[in-house]
Amino acid sequence: MGRTAPTYRMLTESEIQKWNTFKRALRRKDREAFDELMKKVREHASASSYMAPLDVFDAMSLAILLEHEKEITALKKKVENVSD
């Protein structure tokens, strides 16, 4: 018997495809940034799938925010080390 509900990864890829028109309208530099954001979403797919989100975009957004928070923390540490 097959799976009746799509997996989180399937939902994520479907959501990313919905944004392709938006992506194509972006400048090259912005398309590269968009692709990096989607890479971050895919990196956290396993954790997000445990959440069983009703709205996949919520989990995608949280994955992006998590990665941004990690980058901010790393940058703060670099700045603190330079100023010491």
PDB file of N, CA and C in Angstrom:
ATOM      1  N   MET A   1       0.836  -1.168   0.000  1.00  0.00           N
ATOM      2  CA  MET A   1       0.000   0.000   0.000  1.00  0.00           C
ATOM      3  C   MET A   1       0.890   1.243   0.000  1.00  0.00           C
ATOM      4  N   GLY A   2       0.546   2.231  -0.778  1.00  0.00           N
ATOM      5  CA  GLY A   2       1.354   3.437  -0.906  1.00  0.00           C
ATOM      6  C   GLY A   2       1.055   4.475   0.161  1.00  0.00           C
ATOM      7  N   ARG A   3       1.863   5.485   0.124  1.00  0.00           N
ATOM      8  CA  ARG A   3       1.719   6.593   1.064  1.00  0.00           C
ATOM      9  C   ARG A   3       0.532   7.449   0.648  1.00  0.00           C
ATOM     10  N   THR A   4      -0.313   7.807   1.601  1.00  0.00           N
ATOM     11  CA  THR A   4      -1.497   8.598   1.258  1.00  0.00           C
ATOM     12  C   THR A   4      -1.263  10.091   1.384  1.00  0.00           C
ATOM     13  N   ALA A   5      -0.327  10.477   2.230  1.00  0.00           N
ATOM     14  CA  ALA A   5      -0.036  11.904   2.426  1.00  0.00           C
ATOM     15  C   ALA A   5       1.370  12.197   1.901  1.00  0.00           C
ATOM     16  N   PRO A   6       1.536  13.332   1.241  1.00  0.00           N
ATOM     17  CA  PRO A   6       2.873  13.678   0.744  1.00  0.00           C
ATOM     18  C   PRO A   6       3.835  13.935   1.909  1.00  0.00           C
ATOM     19  N   THR A   7       5.094  13.607   1.702  1.00  0.00           N
ATOM     20  CA  THR A   7       6.094  13.844   2.732  1.00  0.00           C
ATOM     21  C   THR A   7       6.403  15.337   2.828  1.00  0.00           C
ATOM     22  N   TYR A   8       7.047  15.718   3.912  1.00  0.00           N
ATOM     23  CA  TYR A   8       7.440  17.122   4.063  1.00  0.00           C
ATOM     24  C   TYR A   8       8.357  17.531   2.922  1.00  0.00           C
ATOM     25  N   ARG A   9       9.294  16.659   2.578  1.00  0.00           N
ATOM     26  CA  ARG A   9      10.223  16.988   1.488  1.00  0.00           C
ATOM     27  C   ARG A   9       9.469  17.223   0.176  1.00  0.00           C
ATOM     28  N   MET A  10       8.477  16.404  -0.084  1.00  0.00           N
ATOM     29  CA  MET A  10       7.679  16.585  -1.302  1.00  0.00           C
ATOM     30  C   MET A  10       6.925  17.916  -1.261  1.00  0.00           C
ATOM     31  N   LEU A  11       6.345  18.230  -0.120  1.00  0.00           N
ATOM     32  CA  LEU A  11       5.629  19.496   0.033  1.00  0.00           C
ATOM     33  C   LEU A  11       6.567  20.687  -0.121  1.00  0.00           C
ATOM     34  N   THR A  12       7.770  20.548   0.432  1.00  0.00           N
ATOM     35  CA  THR A  12       8.760  21.616   0.337  1.00  0.00           C
ATOM     36  C   THR A  12       9.145  21.868  -1.113  1.00  0.00           C
ATOM     37  N   GLU A  13       9.451  20.802  -1.839  1.00  0.00           N
ATOM     38  CA  GLU A  13       9.838  20.957  -3.244  1.00  0.00           C
ATOM     39  C   GLU A  13       8.696  21.553  -4.066  1.00  0.00           C
ATOM     40  N   SER A  14       7.478  21.171  -3.740  1.00  0.00           N
ATOM     41  CA  SER A  14       6.317  21.739  -4.423  1.00  0.00           C
ATOM     42  C   SER A  14       6.198  23.233  -4.133  1.00  0.00           C
ATOM     43  N   GLU A  15       6.413  23.616  -2.879  1.00  0.00           N
ATOM     44  CA  GLU A  15       6.343  25.034  -2.495  1.00  0.00           C
ATOM     45  C   GLU A  15       7.444  25.830  -3.189  1.00  0.00           C
ATOM     46  N   ILE A  16       8.637  25.264  -3.246  1.00  0.00           N
ATOM     47  CA  ILE A  16       9.753  25.944  -3.917  1.00  0.00           C
ATOM     48  C   ILE A  16       9.421  26.146  -5.397  1.00  0.00           C
ATOM     49  N   GLN A  17       8.825  25.140  -6.023  1.00  0.00           N
ATOM     50  CA  GLN A  17       8.444  25.267  -7.432  1.00  0.00           C
ATOM     51  C   GLN A  17       7.431  26.381  -7.645  1.00  0.00           C
ATOM     52  N   LYS A  18       6.539  26.578  -6.683  1.00  0.00           N
ATOM     53  CA  LYS A  18       5.543  27.656  -6.789  1.00  0.00           C
ATOM     54  C   LYS A  18       6.208  29.025  -6.867  1.00  0.00           C
ATOM     55  N   TRP A  19       7.395  29.139  -6.270  1.00  0.00           N
ATOM     56  CA  TRP A  19       8.109  30.412  -6.220  1.00  0.00           C
ATOM     57  C   TRP A  19       9.030  30.630  -7.422  1.00  0.00           C
ATOM     58  N   ASN A  20       9.047  29.709  -8.382  1.00  0.00           N
ATOM     59  CA  ASN A  20       9.954  29.834  -9.526  1.00  0.00           C
ATOM     60  C   ASN A  20       9.702  31.079 -10.366  1.00  0.00           C
ATOM     61  N   THR A  21       8.452  31.465 -10.545  1.00  0.00           N
ATOM     62  CA  THR A  21       8.159  32.678 -11.324  1.00  0.00           C
ATOM     63  C   THR A  21       8.758  33.894 -10.636  1.00  0.00           C
ATOM     64  N   PHE A  22       8.602  33.961  -9.330  1.00  0.00           N
ATOM     65  CA  PHE A  22       9.204  35.039  -8.541  1.00  0.00           C
ATOM     66  C   PHE A  22      10.724  35.017  -8.700  1.00  0.00           C
ATOM     67  N   LYS A  23      11.305  33.838  -8.580  1.00  0.00           N
ATOM     68  CA  LYS A  23      12.763  33.701  -8.690  1.00  0.00           C
ATOM     69  C   LYS A  23      13.253  34.192 -10.051  1.00  0.00           C
ATOM     70  N   ARG A  24      12.565  33.816 -11.112  1.00  0.00           N
ATOM     71  CA  ARG A  24      12.992  34.221 -12.457  1.00  0.00           C
ATOM     72  C   ARG A  24      12.943  35.732 -12.635  1.00  0.00           C
ATOM     73  N   ALA A  25      12.094  36.416 -11.884  1.00  0.00           N
ATOM     74  CA  ALA A  25      11.977  37.870 -11.993  1.00  0.00           C
ATOM     75  C   ALA A  25      13.082  38.601 -11.238  1.00  0.00           C
ATOM     76  N   LEU A  26      13.824  37.885 -10.420  1.00  0.00           N
ATOM     77  CA  LEU A  26      14.882  38.500  -9.629  1.00  0.00           C
ATOM     78  C   LEU A  26      16.151  38.738 -10.450  1.00  0.00           C
ATOM     79  N   ARG A  27      16.966  39.673  -9.983  1.00  0.00           N
ATOM     80  CA  ARG A  27      18.292  39.872 -10.569  1.00  0.00           C
ATOM     81  C   ARG A  27      19.148  38.651 -10.236  1.00  0.00           C
ATOM     82  N   ARG A  28      20.221  38.448 -10.996  1.00  0.00           N
ATOM     83  CA  ARG A  28      21.079  37.280 -10.806  1.00  0.00           C
ATOM     84  C   ARG A  28      21.562  37.149  -9.360  1.00  0.00           C
ATOM     85  N   LYS A  29      22.052  38.250  -8.780  1.00  0.00           N
ATOM     86  CA  LYS A  29      22.548  38.224  -7.405  1.00  0.00           C
ATOM     87  C   LYS A  29      21.437  37.813  -6.440  1.00  0.00           C
ATOM     88  N   ASP A  30      20.241  38.306  -6.689  1.00  0.00           N
ATOM     89  CA  ASP A  30      19.110  37.970  -5.826  1.00  0.00           C
ATOM     90  C   ASP A  30      18.661  36.523  -6.030  1.00  0.00           C
ATOM     91  N   ARG A  31      18.764  36.023  -7.272  1.00  0.00           N
ATOM     92  CA  ARG A  31      18.439  34.610  -7.520  1.00  0.00           C
ATOM     93  C   ARG A  31      19.405  33.704  -6.764  1.00  0.00           C
ATOM     94  N   GLU A  32      20.670  34.099  -6.719  1.00  0.00           N
ATOM     95  CA  GLU A  32      21.659  33.318  -5.975  1.00  0.00           C
ATOM     96  C   GLU A  32      21.318  33.315  -4.486  1.00  0.00           C
ATOM     97  N   ALA A  33      20.889  34.460  -3.960  1.00  0.00           N
ATOM     98  CA  ALA A  33      20.491  34.543  -2.553  1.00  0.00           C
ATOM     99  C   ALA A  33      19.244  33.688  -2.305  1.00  0.00           C
ATOM    100  N   PHE A  34      18.301  33.719  -3.222  1.00  0.00           N
ATOM    101  CA  PHE A  34      17.092  32.898  -3.117  1.00  0.00           C
ATOM    102  C   PHE A  34      17.467  31.419  -3.077  1.00  0.00           C
ATOM    103  N   ASP A  35      18.366  31.013  -3.963  1.00  0.00           N
ATOM    104  CA  ASP A  35      18.807  29.614  -3.987  1.00  0.00           C
ATOM    105  C   ASP A  35      19.483  29.220  -2.680  1.00  0.00           C
ATOM    106  N   GLU A  36      20.241  30.127  -2.088  1.00  0.00           N
ATOM    107  CA  GLU A  36      20.872  29.849  -0.795  1.00  0.00           C
ATOM    108  C   GLU A  36      19.831  29.653   0.296  1.00  0.00           C
ATOM    109  N   LEU A  37      18.776  30.467   0.264  1.00  0.00           N
ATOM    110  CA  LEU A  37      17.698  30.308   1.245  1.00  0.00           C
ATOM    111  C   LEU A  37      17.027  28.940   1.095  1.00  0.00           C
ATOM    112  N   MET A  38      16.778  28.534  -0.137  1.00  0.00           N
ATOM    113  CA  MET A  38      16.135  27.245  -0.360  1.00  0.00           C
ATOM    114  C   MET A  38      17.063  26.091   0.040  1.00  0.00           C
ATOM    115  N   LYS A  39      18.361  26.302  -0.117  1.00  0.00           N
ATOM    116  CA  LYS A  39      19.338  25.306   0.343  1.00  0.00           C
ATOM    117  C   LYS A  39      19.227  25.147   1.856  1.00  0.00           C
ATOM    118  N   LYS A  40      19.065  26.252   2.563  1.00  0.00           N
ATOM    119  CA  LYS A  40      18.916  26.219   4.024  1.00  0.00           C
ATOM    120  C   LYS A  40      17.636  25.474   4.410  1.00  0.00           C
ATOM    121  N   VAL A  41      16.577  25.687   3.647  1.00  0.00           N
ATOM    122  CA  VAL A  41      15.314  24.986   3.907  1.00  0.00           C
ATOM    123  C   VAL A  41      15.538  23.479   3.779  1.00  0.00           C
ATOM    124  N   ARG A  42      16.212  23.069   2.715  1.00  0.00           N
ATOM    125  CA  ARG A  42      16.442  21.638   2.490  1.00  0.00           C
ATOM    126  C   ARG A  42      17.328  21.034   3.575  1.00  0.00           C
ATOM    127  N   GLU A  43      18.279  21.811   4.087  1.00  0.00           N
ATOM    128  CA  GLU A  43      19.177  21.308   5.125  1.00  0.00           C
ATOM    129  C   GLU A  43      18.430  20.977   6.414  1.00  0.00           C
ATOM    130  N   HIS A  44      17.302  21.616   6.648  1.00  0.00           N
ATOM    131  CA  HIS A  44      16.533  21.399   7.869  1.00  0.00           C
ATOM    132  C   HIS A  44      15.251  20.600   7.625  1.00  0.00           C
ATOM    133  N   ALA A  45      15.180  19.929   6.494  1.00  0.00           N
ATOM    134  CA  ALA A  45      13.973  19.182   6.149  1.00  0.00           C
ATOM    135  C   ALA A  45      13.678  18.070   7.147  1.00  0.00           C
ATOM    136  N   SER A  46      14.708  17.401   7.620  1.00  0.00           N
ATOM    137  CA  SER A  46      14.472  16.302   8.565  1.00  0.00           C
ATOM    138  C   SER A  46      13.824  16.808   9.847  1.00  0.00           C
ATOM    139  N   ALA A  47      14.355  17.881  10.397  1.00  0.00           N
ATOM    140  CA  ALA A  47      13.784  18.445  11.624  1.00  0.00           C
ATOM    141  C   ALA A  47      12.369  18.964  11.374  1.00  0.00           C
ATOM    142  N   SER A  48      12.173  19.601  10.247  1.00  0.00           N
ATOM    143  CA  SER A  48      10.863  20.162   9.929  1.00  0.00           C
ATOM    144  C   SER A  48       9.812  19.078   9.734  1.00  0.00           C
ATOM    145  N   SER A  49      10.231  17.932   9.236  1.00  0.00           N
ATOM    146  CA  SER A  49       9.265  16.863   8.992  1.00  0.00           C
ATOM    147  C   SER A  49       8.685  16.320  10.297  1.00  0.00           C
ATOM    148  N   TYR A  50       9.415  16.423  11.393  1.00  0.00           N
ATOM    149  CA  TYR A  50       8.891  15.990  12.691  1.00  0.00           C
ATOM    150  C   TYR A  50       7.745  16.876  13.159  1.00  0.00           C
ATOM    151  N   MET A  51       7.739  18.090  12.688  1.00  0.00           N
ATOM    152  CA  MET A  51       6.723  19.052  13.080  1.00  0.00           C
ATOM    153  C   MET A  51       5.376  18.751  12.431  1.00  0.00           C
ATOM    154  N   ALA A  52       5.393  18.036  11.307  1.00  0.00           N
ATOM    155  CA  ALA A  52       4.189  17.765  10.519  1.00  0.00           C
ATOM    156  C   ALA A  52       3.371  19.039  10.322  1.00  0.00           C
ATOM    157  N   PRO A  53       3.987  20.068   9.706  1.00  0.00           N
ATOM    158  CA  PRO A  53       3.312  21.365   9.579  1.00  0.00           C
ATOM    159  C   PRO A  53       2.100  21.318   8.658  1.00  0.00           C
ATOM    160  N   LEU A  54       1.069  22.037   9.037  1.00  0.00           N
ATOM    161  CA  LEU A  54      -0.083  22.177   8.160  1.00  0.00           C
ATOM    162  C   LEU A  54       0.254  23.119   7.009  1.00  0.00           C
ATOM    163  N   ASP A  55       1.052  24.122   7.307  1.00  0.00           N
ATOM    164  CA  ASP A  55       1.506  25.060   6.287  1.00  0.00           C
ATOM    165  C   ASP A  55       3.011  24.904   6.153  1.00  0.00           C
ATOM    166  N   VAL A  56       3.440  24.305   5.064  1.00  0.00           N
ATOM    167  CA  VAL A  56       4.859  24.008   4.867  1.00  0.00           C
ATOM    168  C   VAL A  56       5.703  25.284   4.863  1.00  0.00           C
ATOM    169  N   PHE A  57       5.119  26.400   4.458  1.00  0.00           N
ATOM    170  CA  PHE A  57       5.871  27.649   4.398  1.00  0.00           C
ATOM    171  C   PHE A  57       6.321  28.094   5.792  1.00  0.00           C
ATOM    172  N   ASP A  58       5.531  27.793   6.821  1.00  0.00           N
ATOM    173  CA  ASP A  58       5.928  28.128   8.194  1.00  0.00           C
ATOM    174  C   ASP A  58       7.228  27.420   8.562  1.00  0.00           C
ATOM    175  N   ALA A  59       7.309  26.135   8.279  1.00  0.00           N
ATOM    176  CA  ALA A  59       8.519  25.371   8.592  1.00  0.00           C
ATOM    177  C   ALA A  59       9.696  25.846   7.752  1.00  0.00           C
ATOM    178  N   MET A  60       9.437  26.176   6.491  1.00  0.00           N
ATOM    179  CA  MET A  60      10.502  26.691   5.627  1.00  0.00           C
ATOM    180  C   MET A  60      11.044  28.000   6.185  1.00  0.00           C
ATOM    181  N   SER A  61      10.154  28.874   6.606  1.00  0.00           N
ATOM    182  CA  SER A  61      10.560  30.175   7.153  1.00  0.00           C
ATOM    183  C   SER A  61      11.376  29.998   8.428  1.00  0.00           C
ATOM    184  N   LEU A  62      10.954  29.085   9.281  1.00  0.00           N
ATOM    185  CA  LEU A  62      11.695  28.848  10.521  1.00  0.00           C
ATOM    186  C   LEU A  62      13.089  28.303  10.234  1.00  0.00           C
ATOM    187  N   ALA A  63      13.223  27.432   9.248  1.00  0.00           N
ATOM    188  CA  ALA A  63      14.542  26.907   8.883  1.00  0.00           C
ATOM    189  C   ALA A  63      15.464  28.042   8.419  1.00  0.00           C
ATOM    190  N   ILE A  64      14.926  28.950   7.629  1.00  0.00           N
ATOM    191  CA  ILE A  64      15.707  30.095   7.151  1.00  0.00           C
ATOM    192  C   ILE A  64      16.099  30.993   8.323  1.00  0.00           C
ATOM    193  N   LEU A  65      15.146  31.268   9.205  1.00  0.00           N
ATOM    194  CA  LEU A  65      15.435  32.105  10.378  1.00  0.00           C
ATOM    195  C   LEU A  65      16.501  31.471  11.268  1.00  0.00           C
ATOM    196  N   LEU A  66      16.419  30.177  11.437  1.00  0.00           N
ATOM    197  CA  LEU A  66      17.421  29.471  12.239  1.00  0.00           C
ATOM    198  C   LEU A  66      18.813  29.653  11.658  1.00  0.00           C
ATOM    199  N   GLU A  67      18.946  29.486  10.357  1.00  0.00           N
ATOM    200  CA  GLU A  67      20.251  29.669   9.713  1.00  0.00           C
ATOM    201  C   GLU A  67      20.731  31.108   9.820  1.00  0.00           C
ATOM    202  N   HIS A  68      19.830  32.051   9.682  1.00  0.00           N
ATOM    203  CA  HIS A  68      20.211  33.465   9.831  1.00  0.00           C
ATOM    204  C   HIS A  68      20.690  33.750  11.254  1.00  0.00           C
ATOM    205  N   GLU A  69      20.011  33.191  12.224  1.00  0.00           N
ATOM    206  CA  GLU A  69      20.419  33.377  13.619  1.00  0.00           C
ATOM    207  C   GLU A  69      21.816  32.817  13.852  1.00  0.00           C
ATOM    208  N   LYS A  70      22.103  31.663  13.283  1.00  0.00           N
ATOM    209  CA  LYS A  70      23.438  31.079  13.418  1.00  0.00           C
ATOM    210  C   LYS A  70      24.504  31.981  12.786  1.00  0.00           C
ATOM    211  N   GLU A  71      24.183  32.547  11.631  1.00  0.00           N
ATOM    212  CA  GLU A  71      25.120  33.445  10.955  1.00  0.00           C
ATOM    213  C   GLU A  71      25.340  34.722  11.761  1.00  0.00           C
ATOM    214  N   ILE A  72      24.282  35.276  12.323  1.00  0.00           N
ATOM    215  CA  ILE A  72      24.396  36.485  13.151  1.00  0.00           C
ATOM    216  C   ILE A  72      25.263  36.207  14.367  1.00  0.00           C
ATOM    217  N   THR A  73      25.039  35.084  15.018  1.00  0.00           N
ATOM    218  CA  THR A  73      25.837  34.718  16.193  1.00  0.00           C
ATOM    219  C   THR A  73      27.310  34.578  15.826  1.00  0.00           C
ATOM    220  N   ALA A  74      27.590  33.935  14.707  1.00  0.00           N
ATOM    221  CA  ALA A  74      28.983  33.776  14.264  1.00  0.00           C
ATOM    222  C   ALA A  74      29.617  35.130  13.966  1.00  0.00           C
ATOM    223  N   LEU A  75      28.871  36.028  13.337  1.00  0.00           N
ATOM    224  CA  LEU A  75      29.400  37.362  13.035  1.00  0.00           C
ATOM    225  C   LEU A  75      29.649  38.163  14.309  1.00  0.00           C
ATOM    226  N   LYS A  76      28.750  38.055  15.288  1.00  0.00           N
ATOM    227  CA  LYS A  76      28.936  38.745  16.574  1.00  0.00           C
ATOM    228  C   LYS A  76      30.221  38.273  17.248  1.00  0.00           C
ATOM    229  N   LYS A  77      30.459  36.986  17.201  1.00  0.00           N
ATOM    230  CA  LYS A  77      31.676  36.445  17.820  1.00  0.00           C
ATOM    231  C   LYS A  77      32.920  36.976  17.126  1.00  0.00           C
ATOM    232  N   LYS A  78      32.874  37.083  15.807  1.00  0.00           N
ATOM    233  CA  LYS A  78      34.011  37.624  15.052  1.00  0.00           C
ATOM    234  C   LYS A  78      34.264  39.084  15.426  1.00  0.00           C
ATOM    235  N   VAL A  79      33.191  39.876  15.527  1.00  0.00           N
ATOM    236  CA  VAL A  79      33.320  41.279  15.881  1.00  0.00           C
ATOM    237  C   VAL A  79      33.882  41.419  17.287  1.00  0.00           C
ATOM    238  N   GLU A  80      33.408  40.610  18.209  1.00  0.00           N
ATOM    239  CA  GLU A  80      33.915  40.660  19.580  1.00  0.00           C
ATOM    240  C   GLU A  80      35.387  40.301  19.636  1.00  0.00           C
ATOM    241  N   ASN A  81      35.813  39.345  18.856  1.00  0.00           N
ATOM    242  CA  ASN A  81      37.217  38.937  18.845  1.00  0.00           C
ATOM    243  C   ASN A  81      38.114  40.019  18.247  1.00  0.00           C
ATOM    244  N   VAL A  82      37.614  40.753  17.268  1.00  0.00           N
ATOM    245  CA  VAL A  82      38.383  41.825  16.648  1.00  0.00           C
ATOM    246  C   VAL A  82      38.522  42.993  17.608  1.00  0.00           C
ATOM    247  N   SER A  83      37.471  43.296  18.352  1.00  0.00           N
ATOM    248  CA  SER A  83      37.496  44.466  19.240  1.00  0.00           C
ATOM    249  C   SER A  83      38.234  44.193  20.546  1.00  0.00           C
ATOM    250  N   ASP A  84      38.517  42.944  20.855  1.00  0.00           N
ATOM    251  CA  ASP A  84      39.236  42.622  22.098  1.00  0.00           C
ATOM    252  C   ASP A  84      40.712  42.873  21.985  1.00  0.00           C
TER     253      ASP A  84
END
